[in-house]
């Protein structure tokens, strides 16, 4: 019925060494996945010591805040956390603010009402 005759294929042409190296460099295996650097949080430059303007703002505005925590002071006055904790302690000692929650890790204060 069908007769299979062997098919003669053209001989494969040989590439030079330079051509092989160029083909390897241009192949998809040569390009590796570039990893992203991740999301970088921008660095805040908070004060470590009070300057005159920030200290005056602390004494004038903070006793009027409804919620006073180290985080709130750090965010609004641009001071670091340890300075904020010290400031809260000082305002409490002066009687300008009163404690709501006094815990080792979390200090929550509010304005001292005159009533």
Foldseek 3Di string as FASTA:
>chain_A
DDDDDDDDDDDDDDDDPVVVVVCVCPDPVVDDDDDDPDDDDDDQDAAADDDPVLVVCLVPPVLQAAKQWLVVCCVPSRHDSVVSVVSVVVCVVVVQWAFDDDDPVTTIIGGRDPD
